[in-house]
Structures are given as C-alpha cells and as structure tokens.
Amino acid sequence: MKLVQFGENTCARIRRYMDSYINNELLVETNHEVLRHLETCPACAAEVESRTRLKIRLKRAVQNQTVPEDLQARVHAALRQESHSSFAWTRWASAAAAVLMVAAGLWFELPRWTRPALPDLADRRGQDAFIQKVSTSLSAVLKVGLGDHIHCAIFRKYPKNPPSVDEMAQKLGPSYQELVPLVKARVPEGYRIILAHQCGFQGRRFVHLTLTNGSSLLSLVITRRQPGESMQALPISDHAAGVPVYQAAAQNYDVAGFETDQFLAYVVSDLGARQNLQIAYALAPAVHQFLAAVRG
C-alpha cells in the first residue's frame, strides 16, 4: 500500500474514520491506513485514546443504569404537557430527541461492549459454552488461539507471587524455554509475564505465555498445525518484517495470528484492535524465526 503524505487534510480524513476504527467497523485496507497514520501522528493518536476512554466511560455508565420500561411513554406525556407553549415545546422536544438519540445509540451499542458473564472456575460446561459463544464470529483457525487464551488465561486463579522468569522458562521445556526472554524483550514497557507453560485444550497441546499490564491479560498462544489448517485464506492485516499477520475481533477480544510450516501462533487480548496488533507486529518476526528453527 502506498503511504500517504500526512498533513492537515489527512488528519481531518483520518478523524472521520476514528469512531468506526474504535468500533472495529473499517475495511481491512482503511484500518491499515489509519494504523499507519496513528504511528506517525501524535495528535491523532491522542485523539483516538481520548475517544476510546470516553467510550469506556459511557459504556460503564450505561451498564450501571437500567432503562425504564416506560421511558418512551413518559417522554411523550411530558411533550404533550409542554405543548401549550411553542417555545417550551420546541426546547423540550430538541432536548428529549437528543437524549433519546444518545440513549438509543448507547443501548444498541451495548451488545458490542458487554461481555457475557464469566462462568465459575469449576463450571467446565459453562466455560465451553462461553468460549463457543464468544468465538462465533471467528474463522475456525483463529478460534483455536482464542479458545486456549480464554480457557487457560481467563479461567484461572493466579498466585499472588508468580514464579520467577527462570522457573517459568523451565516449565516450557528445553524446546521452548528461550521464548520467555524473547517475548519479554519485545513487549511494551509495563508488561510482565505471569504464566509460561505447556497446556492442553480440546485435544491439542499449546505453548502458552500470559502477560499483564496491570489491567488486561494478553496471551501468546502457540500450537502445532494440524492437516489442512492455514491462515492463508484470511485477509492479511499487514506484514511484520515479511511475516503475514491476520487479525479479527470476537466481542471484547482481538486475535492476531501468524504461522510457520509447523506452527500456528496467536496474540490474543482485550486491549483493542490497535494495541493488540501492534504487539503482534512486535512479536511476529522473532517468534516466527524461533518457531521455524524448532525441530521434532
């Protein structure tokens, strides 16, 4: 894709895309253009962060409120009472219309924001149903990474004092233990590895590293490819140093994937599309090179 020259006109055009970008509603090409612009324009990047924080605050406010069943009837009754004064009616109608538009917009946006209630840690059936529900929109090959992230990173009690980096590396075994320092060196400042091990889910084995920045969980999930599995039929989000990276959203989660001849690898989080993709770009070249050298 040809890079555009950034300037006032470009910033104005990018800002028209921002709300759709935050809601993961852009086409792949447009989403990629916005990402490139945000990497080089601090003003627009700050605007995206500001709008994202506002959306989160609105989401929390709406989630904490119950819309009265008789709201519409009450508004119509108030409008009729004010109809004796043309000025008062116009003023009230304008205000009421604005409130209803905002309320309706937030109400219909709620399904995108609201994560289904998490089942208990002991409720395996409920967990499987939760994973199936959340991943409905994903292709089969991306469901693999999201499923293990939720199964292993979300449905888990973490110790107050996590094991040391060396202890976690040992748990990965000799073939994968170097992934720990490799990942640690490439994730953004403020992230720390709290889990690194090999695990199993739905009949297949995974290498799984979980990281946190204090408020969100992020996983690097790796599994061996099974016959016929490939990401190549998916739209490419971008190439990270020559490695094709594929991304899709599933409710509150974003999944970015890449592959080698033997492995499928995923970066999964609830950070939002832009941050999840940036971390995937940072990890993909080194992890791809590492996995390409794994034998057996």
C-alpha atoms as a PDB file:
ATOM      1  CA  MET A   1       0.000   0.000   0.000  1.00  0.00           C
ATOM      2  CA  LYS A   2       1.296   3.427  -0.939  1.00  0.00           C
ATOM      3  CA  LEU A   3       1.916   5.673   2.042  1.00  0.00           C
ATOM      4  CA  VAL A   4       0.032   8.951   2.103  1.00  0.00           C
ATOM      5  CA  GLN A   5       1.574  12.302   2.918  1.00  0.00           C
ATOM      6  CA  PHE A   6       0.370  13.335   6.330  1.00  0.00           C
ATOM      7  CA  GLY A   7      -0.930  16.845   6.906  1.00  0.00           C
ATOM      8  CA  GLU A   8      -3.995  18.795   7.911  1.00  0.00           C
ATOM      9  CA  ASN A   9      -6.207  17.257   5.207  1.00  0.00           C
ATOM     10  CA  THR A  10      -5.046  13.738   6.016  1.00  0.00           C
ATOM     11  CA  CYS A  11      -5.653  14.238   9.737  1.00  0.00           C
ATOM     12  CA  ALA A  12      -9.169  15.506   9.020  1.00  0.00           C
ATOM     13  CA  ARG A  13      -9.883  12.463   6.874  1.00  0.00           C
ATOM     14  CA  ILE A  14      -8.445  10.040   9.451  1.00  0.00           C
ATOM     15  CA  ARG A  15     -10.528  11.641  12.209  1.00  0.00           C
ATOM     16  CA  ARG A  16     -13.675  10.913  10.213  1.00  0.00           C
ATOM     17  CA  TYR A  17     -12.737   7.241  10.429  1.00  0.00           C
ATOM     18  CA  MET A  18     -11.904   7.228  14.140  1.00  0.00           C
ATOM     19  CA  ASP A  19     -15.228   6.159  15.616  1.00  0.00           C
ATOM     20  CA  SER A  20     -15.551   3.331  13.095  1.00  0.00           C
ATOM     21  CA  TYR A  21     -11.924   2.403  13.774  1.00  0.00           C
ATOM     22  CA  ILE A  22     -12.515   2.221  17.538  1.00  0.00           C
ATOM     23  CA  ASN A  23     -15.610   0.055  16.911  1.00  0.00           C
ATOM     24  CA  ASN A  24     -13.673  -2.304  14.575  1.00  0.00           C
ATOM     25  CA  GLU A  25     -16.003  -1.448  11.681  1.00  0.00           C
ATOM     26  CA  LEU A  26     -13.486  -0.425   8.999  1.00  0.00           C
ATOM     27  CA  LEU A  27     -12.445  -2.434   5.993  1.00  0.00           C
ATOM     28  CA  VAL A  28      -9.004  -4.009   6.284  1.00  0.00           C
ATOM     29  CA  GLU A  29      -7.380  -1.526   3.878  1.00  0.00           C
ATOM     30  CA  THR A  30      -8.828   1.522   5.655  1.00  0.00           C
ATOM     31  CA  ASN A  31      -7.990   0.103   9.080  1.00  0.00           C
ATOM     32  CA  HIS A  32      -4.401  -0.373   7.923  1.00  0.00           C
ATOM     33  CA  GLU A  33      -4.238   3.210   6.634  1.00  0.00           C
ATOM     34  CA  VAL A  34      -5.477   4.535   9.985  1.00  0.00           C
ATOM     35  CA  LEU A  35      -2.935   2.400  11.858  1.00  0.00           C
ATOM     36  CA  ARG A  36      -0.060   3.754   9.752  1.00  0.00           C
ATOM     37  CA  HIS A  37      -1.200   7.319  10.320  1.00  0.00           C
ATOM     38  CA  LEU A  38      -1.528   6.872  14.086  1.00  0.00           C
ATOM     39  CA  GLU A  39       2.020   5.526  14.285  1.00  0.00           C
ATOM     40  CA  THR A  40       3.387   8.839  12.963  1.00  0.00           C
ATOM     41  CA  CYS A  41       0.822  11.416  14.156  1.00  0.00           C
ATOM     42  CA  PRO A  42       0.827  12.003  17.951  1.00  0.00           C
ATOM     43  CA  ALA A  43      -2.160  14.353  17.740  1.00  0.00           C
ATOM     44  CA  CYS A  44      -4.426  11.802  16.069  1.00  0.00           C
ATOM     45  CA  ALA A  45      -3.122   9.002  18.302  1.00  0.00           C
ATOM     46  CA  ALA A  46      -4.013  11.111  21.342  1.00  0.00           C
ATOM     47  CA  GLU A  47      -7.468  11.757  19.876  1.00  0.00           C
ATOM     48  CA  VAL A  48      -8.060   8.013  19.448  1.00  0.00           C
ATOM     49  CA  GLU A  49      -7.019   7.396  23.039  1.00  0.00           C
ATOM     50  CA  SER A  50      -9.323  10.185  24.228  1.00  0.00           C
ATOM     51  CA  ARG A  51     -12.299   8.841  22.283  1.00  0.00           C
ATOM     52  CA  THR A  52     -11.580   5.304  23.474  1.00  0.00           C
ATOM     53  CA  ARG A  53     -11.524   6.437  27.119  1.00  0.00           C
ATOM     54  CA  LEU A  54     -14.786   8.333  26.573  1.00  0.00           C
ATOM     55  CA  LYS A  55     -16.401   5.236  25.071  1.00  0.00           C
ATOM     56  CA  ILE A  56     -15.279   3.152  28.048  1.00  0.00           C
ATOM     57  CA  ARG A  57     -16.724   5.699  30.486  1.00  0.00           C
ATOM     58  CA  LEU A  58     -20.010   5.802  28.585  1.00  0.00           C
ATOM     59  CA  LYS A  59     -20.103   2.019  28.480  1.00  0.00           C
ATOM     60  CA  ARG A  60     -19.644   1.789  32.226  1.00  0.00           C
ATOM     61  CA  ALA A  61     -22.288   4.439  32.828  1.00  0.00           C
ATOM     62  CA  VAL A  62     -24.811   2.646  30.612  1.00  0.00           C
ATOM     63  CA  GLN A  63     -24.038  -0.751  32.122  1.00  0.00           C
ATOM     64  CA  ASN A  64     -24.738   0.646  35.576  1.00  0.00           C
ATOM     65  CA  GLN A  65     -28.126   2.036  34.581  1.00  0.00           C
ATOM     66  CA  THR A  66     -31.437   0.345  33.868  1.00  0.00           C
ATOM     67  CA  VAL A  67     -33.536   1.873  31.103  1.00  0.00           C
ATOM     68  CA  PRO A  68     -37.100   2.241  32.492  1.00  0.00           C
ATOM     69  CA  GLU A  69     -39.669   0.287  30.517  1.00  0.00           C
ATOM     70  CA  ASP A  70     -41.997   3.305  30.455  1.00  0.00           C
ATOM     71  CA  LEU A  71     -39.346   5.778  29.246  1.00  0.00           C
ATOM     72  CA  GLN A  72     -40.952   6.342  25.844  1.00  0.00           C
ATOM     73  CA  ALA A  73     -44.430   6.873  27.340  1.00  0.00           C
ATOM     74  CA  ARG A  74     -43.065   9.335  29.902  1.00  0.00           C
ATOM     75  CA  VAL A  75     -41.313  11.386  27.227  1.00  0.00           C
ATOM     76  CA  HIS A  76     -44.461  11.563  25.098  1.00  0.00           C
ATOM     77  CA  ALA A  77     -46.515  12.589  28.149  1.00  0.00           C
ATOM     78  CA  ALA A  78     -44.032  15.335  29.007  1.00  0.00           C
ATOM     79  CA  LEU A  79     -44.138  16.583  25.417  1.00  0.00           C
ATOM     80  CA  ARG A  80     -47.933  16.790  25.492  1.00  0.00           C
ATOM     81  CA  GLN A  81     -47.862  18.719  28.786  1.00  0.00           C
ATOM     82  CA  GLU A  82     -45.450  21.266  27.326  1.00  0.00           C
ATOM     83  CA  SER A  83     -47.320  21.646  24.046  1.00  0.00           C
ATOM     84  CA  HIS A  84     -49.204  24.796  25.250  1.00  0.00           C
ATOM     85  CA  SER A  85     -46.048  26.808  24.735  1.00  0.00           C
ATOM     86  CA  SER A  86     -44.467  26.666  21.302  1.00  0.00           C
ATOM     87  CA  PHE A  87     -41.085  27.789  22.595  1.00  0.00           C
ATOM     88  CA  ALA A  88     -41.133  25.455  25.569  1.00  0.00           C
ATOM     89  CA  TRP A  89     -42.262  22.560  23.386  1.00  0.00           C
ATOM     90  CA  THR A  90     -39.538  23.167  20.840  1.00  0.00           C
ATOM     91  CA  ARG A  91     -36.885  23.438  23.537  1.00  0.00           C
ATOM     92  CA  TRP A  92     -38.088  20.294  25.337  1.00  0.00           C
ATOM     93  CA  ALA A  93     -38.529  18.328  22.107  1.00  0.00           C
ATOM     94  CA  SER A  94     -34.997  19.168  20.996  1.00  0.00           C
ATOM     95  CA  ALA A  95     -33.538  18.148  24.329  1.00  0.00           C
ATOM     96  CA  ALA A  96     -35.655  14.986  24.532  1.00  0.00           C
ATOM     97  CA  ALA A  97     -34.734  13.988  20.989  1.00  0.00           C
ATOM     98  CA  ALA A  98     -31.054  14.433  21.760  1.00  0.00           C
ATOM     99  CA  VAL A  99     -31.336  12.358  24.937  1.00  0.00           C
ATOM    100  CA  LEU A 100     -33.248   9.608  23.142  1.00  0.00           C
ATOM    101  CA  MET A 101     -30.745   9.534  20.297  1.00  0.00           C
ATOM    102  CA  VAL A 102     -27.846   9.165  22.700  1.00  0.00           C
ATOM    103  CA  ALA A 103     -29.690   6.592  24.809  1.00  0.00           C
ATOM    104  CA  ALA A 104     -30.710   4.601  21.751  1.00  0.00           C
ATOM    105  CA  GLY A 105     -27.197   4.738  20.340  1.00  0.00           C
ATOM    106  CA  LEU A 106     -25.692   3.523  23.586  1.00  0.00           C
ATOM    107  CA  TRP A 107     -28.398   0.915  24.060  1.00  0.00           C
ATOM    108  CA  PHE A 108     -27.886  -0.642  20.632  1.00  0.00           C
ATOM    109  CA  GLU A 109     -24.109  -0.421  21.037  1.00  0.00           C
ATOM    110  CA  LEU A 110     -24.237  -2.415  24.273  1.00  0.00           C
ATOM    111  CA  PRO A 111     -24.072  -5.862  22.631  1.00  0.00           C
ATOM    112  CA  ARG A 112     -20.653  -4.932  21.222  1.00  0.00           C
ATOM    113  CA  TRP A 113     -19.419  -3.781  24.625  1.00  0.00           C
ATOM    114  CA  THR A 114     -20.993  -6.238  27.026  1.00  0.00           C
ATOM    115  CA  ARG A 115     -19.058  -9.409  27.661  1.00  0.00           C
ATOM    116  CA  PRO A 116     -21.157 -12.438  28.596  1.00  0.00           C
ATOM    117  CA  ALA A 117     -20.947 -13.216  32.295  1.00  0.00           C
ATOM    118  CA  LEU A 118     -17.983 -15.430  33.115  1.00  0.00           C
ATOM    119  CA  PRO A 119     -18.920 -18.857  34.474  1.00  0.00           C
ATOM    120  CA  ASP A 120     -17.405 -20.209  37.680  1.00  0.00           C
ATOM    121  CA  LEU A 121     -13.915 -21.675  37.532  1.00  0.00           C
ATOM    122  CA  ALA A 122     -15.314 -25.113  38.361  1.00  0.00           C
ATOM    123  CA  ASP A 123     -18.031 -24.924  35.683  1.00  0.00           C
ATOM    124  CA  ARG A 124     -16.337 -26.618  32.713  1.00  0.00           C
ATOM    125  CA  ARG A 125     -19.550 -26.898  30.721  1.00  0.00           C
ATOM    126  CA  GLY A 126     -20.264 -23.226  31.253  1.00  0.00           C
ATOM    127  CA  GLN A 127     -16.731 -22.333  30.198  1.00  0.00           C
ATOM    128  CA  ASP A 128     -17.028 -24.328  26.976  1.00  0.00           C
ATOM    129  CA  ALA A 129     -20.350 -22.643  26.224  1.00  0.00           C
ATOM    130  CA  PHE A 130     -18.833 -19.221  26.945  1.00  0.00           C
ATOM    131  CA  ILE A 131     -15.899 -19.858  24.580  1.00  0.00           C
ATOM    132  CA  GLN A 132     -18.230 -21.103  21.856  1.00  0.00           C
ATOM    133  CA  LYS A 133     -20.473 -18.049  22.204  1.00  0.00           C
ATOM    134  CA  VAL A 134     -17.637 -15.518  22.201  1.00  0.00           C
ATOM    135  CA  SER A 135     -15.824 -17.052  19.222  1.00  0.00           C
ATOM    136  CA  THR A 136     -18.849 -17.484  16.933  1.00  0.00           C
ATOM    137  CA  SER A 137     -17.717 -14.775  14.511  1.00  0.00           C
ATOM    138  CA  LEU A 138     -14.177 -16.147  14.071  1.00  0.00           C
ATOM    139  CA  SER A 139     -12.839 -18.481  11.426  1.00  0.00           C
ATOM    140  CA  ALA A 140     -12.008 -21.977  12.673  1.00  0.00           C
ATOM    141  CA  VAL A 141      -8.260 -21.386  12.573  1.00  0.00           C
ATOM    142  CA  LEU A 142      -8.478 -18.252  14.756  1.00  0.00           C
ATOM    143  CA  LYS A 143     -10.888 -19.877  17.209  1.00  0.00           C
ATOM    144  CA  VAL A 144      -8.024 -22.189  18.191  1.00  0.00           C
ATOM    145  CA  GLY A 145      -5.987 -19.349  19.717  1.00  0.00           C
ATOM    146  CA  LEU A 146      -8.896 -17.514  21.332  1.00  0.00           C
ATOM    147  CA  GLY A 147     -10.198 -20.720  22.890  1.00  0.00           C
ATOM    148  CA  ASP A 148      -6.938 -21.523  24.658  1.00  0.00           C
ATOM    149  CA  HIS A 149      -6.490 -17.898  25.779  1.00  0.00           C
ATOM    150  CA  ILE A 150      -9.887 -17.889  27.497  1.00  0.00           C
ATOM    151  CA  HIS A 151      -9.570 -21.455  28.793  1.00  0.00           C
ATOM    152  CA  CYS A 152      -6.074 -21.036  30.198  1.00  0.00           C
ATOM    153  CA  ALA A 153      -5.617 -17.324  30.935  1.00  0.00           C
ATOM    154  CA  ILE A 154      -9.129 -16.125  31.830  1.00  0.00           C
ATOM    155  CA  PHE A 155     -10.483 -19.160  33.684  1.00  0.00           C
ATOM    156  CA  ARG A 156      -7.616 -19.313  36.154  1.00  0.00           C
ATOM    157  CA  LYS A 157      -6.640 -18.253  39.644  1.00  0.00           C
ATOM    158  CA  TYR A 158      -3.224 -16.615  39.631  1.00  0.00           C
ATOM    159  CA  PRO A 159      -0.893 -16.847  42.626  1.00  0.00           C
ATOM    160  CA  LYS A 160      -0.129 -13.623  44.462  1.00  0.00           C
ATOM    161  CA  ASN A 161       3.565 -14.271  43.910  1.00  0.00           C
ATOM    162  CA  PRO A 162       4.072 -15.621  40.378  1.00  0.00           C
ATOM    163  CA  PRO A 163       7.076 -17.846  39.679  1.00  0.00           C
ATOM    164  CA  SER A 164      10.310 -16.278  38.537  1.00  0.00           C
ATOM    165  CA  VAL A 165      11.131 -15.853  34.858  1.00  0.00           C
ATOM    166  CA  ASP A 166      13.664 -18.683  35.114  1.00  0.00           C
ATOM    167  CA  GLU A 167      11.112 -21.020  36.720  1.00  0.00           C
ATOM    168  CA  MET A 168       8.562 -20.276  34.002  1.00  0.00           C
ATOM    169  CA  ALA A 169      11.158 -20.852  31.285  1.00  0.00           C
ATOM    170  CA  GLN A 170      11.941 -24.274  32.775  1.00  0.00           C
ATOM    171  CA  LYS A 171       8.249 -25.202  32.694  1.00  0.00           C
ATOM    172  CA  LEU A 172       8.212 -24.630  28.947  1.00  0.00           C
ATOM    173  CA  GLY A 173      10.863 -27.306  28.473  1.00  0.00           C
ATOM    174  CA  PRO A 174      14.128 -27.161  26.520  1.00  0.00           C
ATOM    175  CA  SER A 175      12.497 -26.668  23.106  1.00  0.00           C
ATOM    176  CA  TYR A 176      10.606 -23.507  24.071  1.00  0.00           C
ATOM    177  CA  GLN A 177      12.260 -22.008  27.142  1.00  0.00           C
ATOM    178  CA  GLU A 178      14.017 -19.290  25.123  1.00  0.00           C
ATOM    179  CA  LEU A 179      10.610 -17.878  24.240  1.00  0.00           C
ATOM    180  CA  VAL A 180      10.422 -16.272  27.678  1.00  0.00           C
ATOM    181  CA  PRO A 181      13.341 -13.835  27.302  1.00  0.00           C
ATOM    182  CA  LEU A 182      12.477 -13.371  23.601  1.00  0.00           C
ATOM    183  CA  VAL A 183       8.930 -12.222  24.405  1.00  0.00           C
ATOM    184  CA  LYS A 184       9.972 -10.247  27.464  1.00  0.00           C
ATOM    185  CA  ALA A 185      12.382  -8.187  25.363  1.00  0.00           C
ATOM    186  CA  ARG A 186       9.781  -7.263  22.731  1.00  0.00           C
ATOM    187  CA  VAL A 187       6.555  -6.408  24.543  1.00  0.00           C
ATOM    188  CA  PRO A 188       5.870  -2.788  25.552  1.00  0.00           C
ATOM    189  CA  GLU A 189       7.224  -1.441  28.810  1.00  0.00           C
ATOM    190  CA  GLY A 190       4.928  -2.215  31.716  1.00  0.00           C
ATOM    191  CA  TYR A 191       4.026  -5.734  30.627  1.00  0.00           C
ATOM    192  CA  ARG A 192       5.243  -8.689  32.653  1.00  0.00           C
ATOM    193  CA  ILE A 193       4.977 -12.415  32.109  1.00  0.00           C
ATOM    194  CA  ILE A 194       2.859 -14.074  34.797  1.00  0.00           C
ATOM    195  CA  LEU A 195       2.454 -17.527  33.244  1.00  0.00           C
ATOM    196  CA  ALA A 196       4.500 -19.637  30.837  1.00  0.00           C
ATOM    197  CA  HIS A 197       3.809 -23.328  30.405  1.00  0.00           C
ATOM    198  CA  GLN A 198       2.584 -26.066  28.104  1.00  0.00           C
ATOM    199  CA  CYS A 199      -1.106 -26.896  28.401  1.00  0.00           C
ATOM    200  CA  GLY A 200      -3.893 -28.795  26.680  1.00  0.00           C
ATOM    201  CA  PHE A 201      -7.344 -27.779  25.435  1.00  0.00           C
ATOM    202  CA  GLN A 202      -9.850 -29.584  23.220  1.00  0.00           C
ATOM    203  CA  GLY A 203      -7.455 -32.409  22.471  1.00  0.00           C
ATOM    204  CA  ARG A 204      -4.424 -30.412  21.356  1.00  0.00           C
ATOM    205  CA  ARG A 205      -1.276 -29.142  23.014  1.00  0.00           C
ATOM    206  CA  PHE A 206      -0.295 -25.490  23.410  1.00  0.00           C
ATOM    207  CA  VAL A 207       2.698 -23.426  24.414  1.00  0.00           C
ATOM    208  CA  HIS A 208       1.175 -20.521  26.305  1.00  0.00           C
ATOM    209  CA  LEU A 209       2.662 -17.308  27.706  1.00  0.00           C
ATOM    210  CA  THR A 210       0.355 -14.917  29.564  1.00  0.00           C
ATOM    211  CA  LEU A 211       1.277 -11.295  30.260  1.00  0.00           C
ATOM    212  CA  THR A 212      -0.388  -8.456  32.122  1.00  0.00           C
ATOM    213  CA  ASN A 213      -0.010  -4.694  32.229  1.00  0.00           C
ATOM    214  CA  GLY A 214      -1.932  -4.481  35.484  1.00  0.00           C
ATOM    215  CA  SER A 215      -5.408  -4.199  33.982  1.00  0.00           C
ATOM    216  CA  SER A 216      -5.513  -6.531  30.961  1.00  0.00           C
ATOM    217  CA  LEU A 217      -4.354 -10.020  30.084  1.00  0.00           C
ATOM    218  CA  LEU A 218      -2.525 -10.830  26.854  1.00  0.00           C
ATOM    219  CA  SER A 219      -1.530 -14.268  25.616  1.00  0.00           C
ATOM    220  CA  LEU A 220       0.962 -15.614  23.137  1.00  0.00           C
ATOM    221  CA  VAL A 221      -0.534 -18.975  22.190  1.00  0.00           C
ATOM    222  CA  ILE A 222       1.329 -21.474  20.002  1.00  0.00           C
ATOM    223  CA  THR A 223       0.197 -24.871  18.734  1.00  0.00           C
ATOM    224  CA  ARG A 224       1.293 -27.255  16.021  1.00  0.00           C
ATOM    225  CA  ARG A 225      -0.630 -27.075  12.768  1.00  0.00           C
ATOM    226  CA  GLN A 226      -2.964 -29.929  12.021  1.00  0.00           C
ATOM    227  CA  PRO A 227      -3.589 -31.227   8.476  1.00  0.00           C
ATOM    228  CA  GLY A 228      -5.427 -28.656   6.389  1.00  0.00           C
ATOM    229  CA  GLU A 229      -5.033 -25.802   8.878  1.00  0.00           C
ATOM    230  CA  SER A 230      -3.857 -22.496   7.450  1.00  0.00           C
ATOM    231  CA  MET A 231      -4.450 -18.778   7.841  1.00  0.00           C
ATOM    232  CA  GLN A 232      -3.667 -18.005   4.217  1.00  0.00           C
ATOM    233  CA  ALA A 233      -7.320 -17.779   3.198  1.00  0.00           C
ATOM    234  CA  LEU A 234      -7.882 -14.923   5.687  1.00  0.00           C
ATOM    235  CA  PRO A 235      -7.435 -11.216   4.854  1.00  0.00           C
ATOM    236  CA  ILE A 236      -3.925 -10.039   5.751  1.00  0.00           C
ATOM    237  CA  SER A 237      -3.795  -7.112   8.182  1.00  0.00           C
ATOM    238  CA  ASP A 238      -0.150  -6.391   7.341  1.00  0.00           C
ATOM    239  CA  HIS A 239       3.301  -7.922   7.085  1.00  0.00           C
ATOM    240  CA  ALA A 240       5.618  -7.689  10.083  1.00  0.00           C
ATOM    241  CA  ALA A 241       9.142  -7.869   8.619  1.00  0.00           C
ATOM    242  CA  GLY A 242       7.801 -10.146   5.911  1.00  0.00           C
ATOM    243  CA  VAL A 243       5.577 -12.244   8.197  1.00  0.00           C
ATOM    244  CA  PRO A 244       1.871 -12.054   7.214  1.00  0.00           C
ATOM    245  CA  VAL A 245      -0.285 -11.176  10.224  1.00  0.00           C
ATOM    246  CA  TYR A 246      -4.027 -11.830  10.288  1.00  0.00           C
ATOM    247  CA  GLN A 247      -6.459 -10.224  12.726  1.00  0.00           C
ATOM    248  CA  ALA A 248     -10.125 -10.500  13.691  1.00  0.00           C
ATOM    249  CA  ALA A 249     -12.323  -9.379  16.584  1.00  0.00           C
ATOM    250  CA  ALA A 250     -14.603 -11.545  18.711  1.00  0.00           C
ATOM    251  CA  GLN A 251     -16.745  -9.426  21.034  1.00  0.00           C
ATOM    252  CA  ASN A 252     -14.299  -7.950  23.583  1.00  0.00           C
ATOM    253  CA  TYR A 253     -11.310  -9.917  22.324  1.00  0.00           C
ATOM    254  CA  ASP A 254      -8.925  -9.373  19.429  1.00  0.00           C
ATOM    255  CA  VAL A 255      -6.938 -12.185  17.848  1.00  0.00           C
ATOM    256  CA  ALA A 256      -3.858 -11.628  15.680  1.00  0.00           C
ATOM    257  CA  GLY A 257      -2.310 -14.722  14.132  1.00  0.00           C
ATOM    258  CA  PHE A 258       0.665 -15.822  12.048  1.00  0.00           C
ATOM    259  CA  GLU A 259       2.035 -19.190  11.034  1.00  0.00           C
ATOM    260  CA  THR A 260       5.098 -21.222  10.080  1.00  0.00           C
ATOM    261  CA  ASP A 261       5.289 -24.530   8.255  1.00  0.00           C
ATOM    262  CA  GLN A 262       4.745 -26.360  11.554  1.00  0.00           C
ATOM    263  CA  PHE A 263       3.029 -23.927  13.926  1.00  0.00           C
ATOM    264  CA  LEU A 264       0.113 -21.562  14.401  1.00  0.00           C
ATOM    265  CA  ALA A 265       0.805 -18.599  16.697  1.00  0.00           C
ATOM    266  CA  TYR A 266      -1.650 -16.098  18.182  1.00  0.00           C
ATOM    267  CA  VAL A 267      -1.584 -12.863  20.148  1.00  0.00           C
ATOM    268  CA  VAL A 268      -4.902 -12.548  21.992  1.00  0.00           C
ATOM    269  CA  SER A 269      -6.111  -9.814  24.358  1.00  0.00           C
ATOM    270  CA  ASP A 270      -8.917  -7.410  25.233  1.00  0.00           C
ATOM    271  CA  LEU A 271      -6.690  -4.374  24.636  1.00  0.00           C
ATOM    272  CA  GLY A 272      -8.445  -3.290  21.450  1.00  0.00           C
ATOM    273  CA  ALA A 273      -7.521  -3.928  17.833  1.00  0.00           C
ATOM    274  CA  ARG A 274      -4.775  -1.327  17.519  1.00  0.00           C
ATOM    275  CA  GLN A 275      -2.783  -2.259  20.626  1.00  0.00           C
ATOM    276  CA  ASN A 276      -3.216  -5.993  20.086  1.00  0.00           C
ATOM    277  CA  LEU A 277      -1.997  -5.671  16.505  1.00  0.00           C
ATOM    278  CA  GLN A 278       0.976  -3.525  17.497  1.00  0.00           C
ATOM    279  CA  ILE A 279       2.133  -6.156  19.987  1.00  0.00           C
ATOM    280  CA  ALA A 280       1.630  -8.880  17.377  1.00  0.00           C
ATOM    281  CA  TYR A 281       3.778  -6.898  14.944  1.00  0.00           C
ATOM    282  CA  ALA A 282       6.484  -6.577  17.591  1.00  0.00           C
ATOM    283  CA  LEU A 283       6.485 -10.303  18.368  1.00  0.00           C
ATOM    284  CA  ALA A 284       5.803 -11.933  14.997  1.00  0.00           C
ATOM    285  CA  PRO A 285       9.234 -11.709  13.290  1.00  0.00           C
ATOM    286  CA  ALA A 286      11.237 -13.050  16.240  1.00  0.00           C
ATOM    287  CA  VAL A 287       8.699 -15.697  17.240  1.00  0.00           C
ATOM    288  CA  HIS A 288       8.344 -16.805  13.616  1.00  0.00           C
ATOM    289  CA  GLN A 289      12.114 -17.172  13.311  1.00  0.00           C
ATOM    290  CA  PHE A 290      12.261 -19.065  16.611  1.00  0.00           C
ATOM    291  CA  LEU A 291       9.495 -21.498  15.631  1.00  0.00           C
ATOM    292  CA  ALA A 292      10.983 -22.081  12.205  1.00  0.00           C
ATOM    293  CA  ALA A 293      14.064 -23.464  13.949  1.00  0.00           C
ATOM    294  CA  VAL A 294      12.140 -25.817  16.254  1.00  0.00           C
ATOM    295  CA  ARG A 295      12.527 -29.439  15.225  1.00  0.00           C
ATOM    296  CA  GLY A 296      10.609 -32.533  16.195  1.00  0.00           C
END
